[in-house]
Amino acid sequence: MRTLLACLLCVSAAGCTDLQSSDLKTAGMSTTMSVTGDGTGQTTVTAQWNVDDNSTDFVDLSSGDTAIAKVAGLSQTMSESNALGDISYQTTFTGEDQGGTVYTIALMRTTDVSAPSSTVTMPSPFTITTPTSSSTFSRASGDIVVVYSSAGSPGDSMSWSVSGICVSGSASGVASGDTGTFTIARGSLLPPGGGGPGGTCQATLTMTRAQYGTVDPSYGSGGSIIAQHVRSVEFNSTP
């Protein structure tokens, strides 16, 4: 989501600024890092560096500077992705998505201080059992009881959002307590613009269980690192 927002900002501002890491001190950078499990057993590790805390000034790693992701004794160099000047680094692992799995993302440098120890722990995986693709709910008169397995662990947070052409983009919330079930109350899902009954469409419920980690202190402008499991299911939404 942050990458999409950054791309939109780049377009609206007629482009992003990319600076070579060789021209920057580690203390002059911030970072945004994530580890995402999708339910297939694969995790995607993504890291992005910015100049200070400016979200449209991206750092392009120069020769001698390397992004490395580590888990369970495995170590992989992360590859660069450049979308309209929005630079990030990414790699994937298979079979390392269980709760309690610790990931480390390192920025190793030859020209300045390295930042080797940004760490985060995967939250517990889960499966959405209700609703299903055959479920139908009225936005005006039907509560949506969401059931998933399993409940979260201490430090986990569960958030949700619903999207669709007949649903307002602001439909989102937090599953209090992350207990394995919550209810999206009738009237919570509104049509785009918030007026009128809207139509019927196939809506998508997306749920994210997340846990935040600790960013290496060498980044003078700070940042964030998050591990998350993301799941989604479609259902029929009617007025």
Protein backbone atom coordinates (compact mmCIF):
# COMPACT_ATOMS: atom_id res chain seq x y z
CA MET A 1 0.00 0.00 0.00
CA ARG A 2 2.81 2.41 0.88
CA THR A 3 4.53 1.65 -2.44
CA LEU A 4 1.34 2.37 -4.37
CA LEU A 5 0.92 5.65 -2.51
CA ALA A 6 4.51 6.59 -3.22
CA CYS A 7 4.02 5.86 -6.93
CA LEU A 8 0.95 8.09 -7.01
CA LEU A 9 2.89 10.84 -5.25
CA CYS A 10 5.69 10.45 -7.79
CA VAL A 11 3.26 10.83 -10.68
CA SER A 12 1.45 13.81 -9.17
CA ALA A 13 4.74 15.51 -8.37
CA ALA A 14 6.09 14.84 -11.89
CA GLY A 15 8.52 12.18 -10.69
CA CYS A 16 10.55 11.02 -7.73
CA THR A 17 14.10 11.86 -6.80
CA ASP A 18 16.59 8.98 -6.71
CA LEU A 19 19.92 9.38 -4.94
CA GLN A 20 22.86 6.98 -4.95
CA SER A 21 23.59 5.49 -1.54
CA SER A 22 27.28 6.29 -2.05
CA ASP A 23 26.33 9.95 -1.62
CA LEU A 24 24.57 9.34 1.70
CA LYS A 25 25.41 8.39 5.25
CA THR A 26 23.35 5.64 6.86
CA ALA A 27 22.39 8.20 9.50
CA GLY A 28 20.74 10.24 6.73
CA MET A 29 18.38 7.45 5.70
CA SER A 30 15.04 6.04 6.81
CA THR A 31 13.66 2.64 5.88
CA THR A 32 10.36 0.85 5.37
CA MET A 33 10.51 -2.94 5.49
CA SER A 34 7.96 -5.74 5.36
CA VAL A 35 7.68 -9.51 5.35
CA THR A 36 4.37 -10.74 3.90
CA GLY A 37 2.94 -14.26 3.92
CA ASP A 38 0.13 -15.00 1.45
CA GLY A 39 -1.05 -18.42 2.65
CA THR A 40 0.79 -20.44 -0.01
CA GLY A 41 3.89 -20.95 2.14
CA GLN A 42 5.73 -18.14 0.38
CA THR A 43 6.90 -14.97 2.10
CA THR A 44 7.89 -11.81 0.24
CA VAL A 45 10.51 -9.60 1.86
CA THR A 46 10.53 -5.97 0.74
CA ALA A 47 12.73 -3.06 1.79
CA GLN A 48 12.88 0.55 0.75
CA TRP A 49 15.23 3.33 1.75
CA ASN A 50 14.53 7.05 1.66
CA VAL A 51 16.59 10.19 2.10
CA ASP A 52 15.91 11.35 5.65
CA ASP A 53 12.15 10.75 6.04
CA ASN A 54 11.09 12.12 2.65
CA SER A 55 8.71 9.60 1.07
CA THR A 56 9.50 10.64 -2.52
CA ASP A 57 13.31 10.76 -2.25
CA PHE A 58 14.46 7.18 -2.81
CA VAL A 59 17.85 5.61 -2.25
CA ASP A 60 19.38 3.59 -5.10
CA LEU A 61 21.97 1.22 -3.65
CA SER A 62 25.39 1.83 -5.19
CA SER A 63 28.05 -0.78 -5.89
CA GLY A 64 29.34 -2.03 -2.55
CA ASP A 65 26.00 -1.57 -0.77
CA THR A 66 23.78 -4.65 -0.58
CA ALA A 67 20.34 -5.49 0.82
CA ILE A 68 20.22 -8.95 2.39
CA ALA A 69 17.28 -10.86 3.91
CA LYS A 70 17.94 -13.65 6.42
CA VAL A 71 15.76 -16.32 8.02
CA ALA A 72 16.41 -19.72 9.62
CA GLY A 73 20.04 -19.81 8.52
CA LEU A 74 19.19 -18.78 4.96
CA SER A 75 20.54 -15.58 3.41
CA GLN A 76 19.42 -14.01 0.13
CA THR A 77 20.45 -10.86 -1.68
CA MET A 78 17.46 -8.67 -2.49
CA SER A 79 16.85 -7.52 -6.08
CA GLU A 80 16.01 -3.96 -7.10
CA SER A 81 12.60 -2.96 -8.44
CA ASN A 82 12.06 0.48 -9.99
CA ALA A 83 8.49 1.69 -10.62
CA LEU A 84 8.47 5.25 -11.95
CA GLY A 85 11.45 6.08 -9.77
CA ASP A 86 9.97 4.35 -6.70
CA ILE A 87 12.90 2.07 -5.82
CA SER A 88 12.55 -0.95 -3.56
CA TYR A 89 14.35 -4.25 -3.00
CA GLN A 90 12.71 -7.66 -2.78
CA THR A 91 13.21 -11.39 -2.41
CA THR A 92 11.07 -14.42 -1.54
CA PHE A 93 11.35 -17.47 0.71
CA THR A 94 9.34 -20.69 0.79
CA GLY A 95 8.31 -22.57 3.92
CA GLU A 96 9.34 -19.85 6.37
CA ASP A 97 5.92 -18.37 7.20
CA GLN A 98 5.09 -19.94 10.56
CA GLY A 99 4.40 -17.84 13.62
CA GLY A 100 7.53 -17.08 15.62
CA THR A 101 9.84 -17.16 12.58
CA VAL A 102 12.37 -14.34 12.88
CA TYR A 103 13.45 -12.36 9.81
CA THR A 104 16.42 -10.01 9.61
CA ILE A 105 16.89 -7.42 6.86
CA ALA A 106 20.41 -6.02 6.59
CA LEU A 107 21.89 -3.12 4.67
CA MET A 108 25.56 -3.97 4.27
CA ARG A 109 27.82 -1.11 3.25
CA THR A 110 31.46 -0.65 2.28
CA THR A 111 31.47 3.16 2.26
CA ASP A 112 29.72 3.87 5.58
CA VAL A 113 28.25 2.21 8.66
CA SER A 114 26.17 -0.89 7.89
CA ALA A 115 22.70 -1.47 9.37
CA PRO A 116 22.66 -5.25 9.82
CA SER A 117 20.02 -5.87 12.44
CA SER A 118 16.47 -4.84 11.53
CA THR A 119 14.42 -7.77 12.86
CA VAL A 120 10.78 -8.83 12.96
CA THR A 121 8.86 -11.95 14.02
CA MET A 122 6.13 -13.50 11.88
CA PRO A 123 2.67 -13.52 13.49
CA SER A 124 0.60 -16.71 13.48
CA PRO A 125 -0.88 -17.67 10.09
CA PHE A 126 -4.64 -17.95 9.74
CA THR A 127 -7.40 -19.06 7.36
CA ILE A 128 -10.71 -17.31 6.71
CA THR A 129 -13.55 -19.83 7.11
CA THR A 130 -16.53 -17.45 6.97
CA PRO A 131 -17.67 -15.75 4.77
CA THR A 132 -17.16 -17.86 1.65
CA SER A 133 -17.40 -17.02 -2.04
CA SER A 134 -21.04 -18.20 -2.04
CA SER A 135 -22.07 -15.91 0.85
CA THR A 136 -24.42 -12.97 0.24
CA PHE A 137 -24.90 -10.05 2.63
CA SER A 138 -27.08 -6.96 2.52
CA ARG A 139 -25.13 -3.84 3.40
CA ALA A 140 -28.20 -2.27 4.99
CA SER A 141 -29.65 -5.20 6.92
CA GLY A 142 -27.10 -8.00 7.22
CA ASP A 143 -24.32 -8.37 9.79
CA ILE A 144 -21.22 -10.10 8.40
CA VAL A 145 -19.90 -12.55 10.98
CA VAL A 146 -16.28 -13.26 10.12
CA VAL A 147 -14.70 -16.46 11.44
CA TYR A 148 -11.04 -17.36 11.03
CA SER A 149 -8.48 -19.74 12.48
CA SER A 150 -6.64 -19.28 14.61
CA ALA A 151 -6.63 -16.59 17.28
CA GLY A 152 -3.64 -14.27 17.45
CA SER A 153 -0.71 -14.24 19.84
CA PRO A 154 0.41 -11.40 22.13
CA GLY A 155 1.73 -8.54 20.01
CA ASP A 156 -0.36 -9.45 16.97
CA SER A 157 -2.96 -7.08 15.53
CA MET A 158 -5.72 -7.98 13.07
CA SER A 159 -7.17 -5.41 10.67
CA TRP A 160 -9.71 -5.75 7.87
CA SER A 161 -10.95 -3.88 4.82
CA VAL A 162 -13.70 -4.45 2.27
CA SER A 163 -13.43 -3.30 -1.33
CA GLY A 164 -15.67 -3.51 -4.38
CA ILE A 165 -17.32 -1.29 -6.96
CA CYS A 166 -20.44 -1.03 -4.79
CA VAL A 167 -18.57 -0.39 -1.52
CA SER A 168 -16.93 2.78 -0.25
CA GLY A 169 -13.14 2.60 -0.07
CA SER A 170 -13.27 3.70 3.58
CA ALA A 171 -14.71 0.37 4.76
CA SER A 172 -12.10 -0.88 7.21
CA GLY A 173 -11.52 -1.62 10.87
CA VAL A 174 -9.69 -3.62 13.52
CA ALA A 175 -10.69 -7.01 14.93
CA SER A 176 -10.60 -6.25 18.64
CA GLY A 177 -8.62 -8.86 20.57
CA ASP A 178 -7.86 -10.95 17.46
CA THR A 179 -9.93 -13.79 18.97
CA GLY A 180 -10.84 -15.72 15.82
CA THR A 181 -14.13 -13.97 15.08
CA PHE A 182 -15.57 -10.48 14.69
CA THR A 183 -18.65 -8.86 13.19
CA ILE A 184 -18.90 -6.20 10.50
CA ALA A 185 -22.15 -4.58 11.56
CA ARG A 186 -24.96 -3.83 9.14
CA GLY A 187 -24.68 -0.29 7.84
CA SER A 188 -20.87 -0.30 8.12
CA LEU A 189 -20.43 -0.86 4.39
CA LEU A 190 -21.58 2.15 2.41
CA PRO A 191 -21.84 2.67 -1.35
CA PRO A 192 -19.22 4.90 -3.02
CA GLY A 193 -19.87 8.50 -2.07
CA GLY A 194 -21.91 7.39 0.94
CA GLY A 195 -25.28 8.14 -0.66
CA GLY A 196 -28.06 5.97 -2.08
CA PRO A 197 -28.42 2.21 -1.79
CA GLY A 198 -25.75 1.40 -4.38
CA GLY A 199 -25.81 -1.74 -6.48
CA THR A 200 -24.85 -5.37 -6.17
CA CYS A 201 -21.25 -6.47 -6.64
CA GLN A 202 -18.67 -9.03 -5.67
CA ALA A 203 -16.82 -7.53 -2.73
CA THR A 204 -13.45 -8.58 -1.31
CA LEU A 205 -12.71 -8.91 2.39
CA THR A 206 -8.99 -8.57 3.09
CA MET A 207 -7.59 -9.38 6.52
CA THR A 208 -4.09 -8.62 7.76
CA ARG A 209 -2.51 -9.98 10.91
CA ALA A 210 0.62 -7.99 11.69
CA GLN A 211 3.45 -7.66 14.15
CA TYR A 212 6.00 -4.83 14.24
CA GLY A 213 9.69 -5.36 14.77
CA THR A 214 12.76 -3.25 15.53
CA VAL A 215 14.68 -1.18 12.98
CA ASP A 216 18.46 -1.04 13.21
CA PRO A 217 19.46 2.08 15.20
CA SER A 218 22.02 3.09 12.56
CA TYR A 219 19.21 4.64 10.51
CA GLY A 220 19.28 8.21 11.74
CA SER A 221 15.79 8.95 10.41
CA GLY A 222 14.27 5.75 11.76
CA GLY A 223 11.67 3.72 9.93
CA SER A 224 9.54 0.63 10.38
CA ILE A 225 9.62 -3.12 9.85
CA ILE A 226 6.48 -5.24 9.86
CA ALA A 227 5.71 -8.94 9.40
CA GLN A 228 2.21 -9.81 8.25
CA HIS A 229 -0.08 -12.52 6.98
CA VAL A 230 -2.61 -11.31 4.41
CA ARG A 231 -5.69 -13.28 3.37
CA SER A 232 -8.72 -12.37 1.29
CA VAL A 233 -12.08 -13.83 0.29
CA GLU A 234 -14.81 -12.63 -2.07
CA PHE A 235 -18.53 -12.49 -1.24
CA ASN A 236 -21.68 -11.02 -2.74
CA SER A 237 -22.69 -7.59 -1.47
CA THR A 238 -26.23 -6.32 -2.05
CA PRO A 239 -28.02 -3.09 -1.08
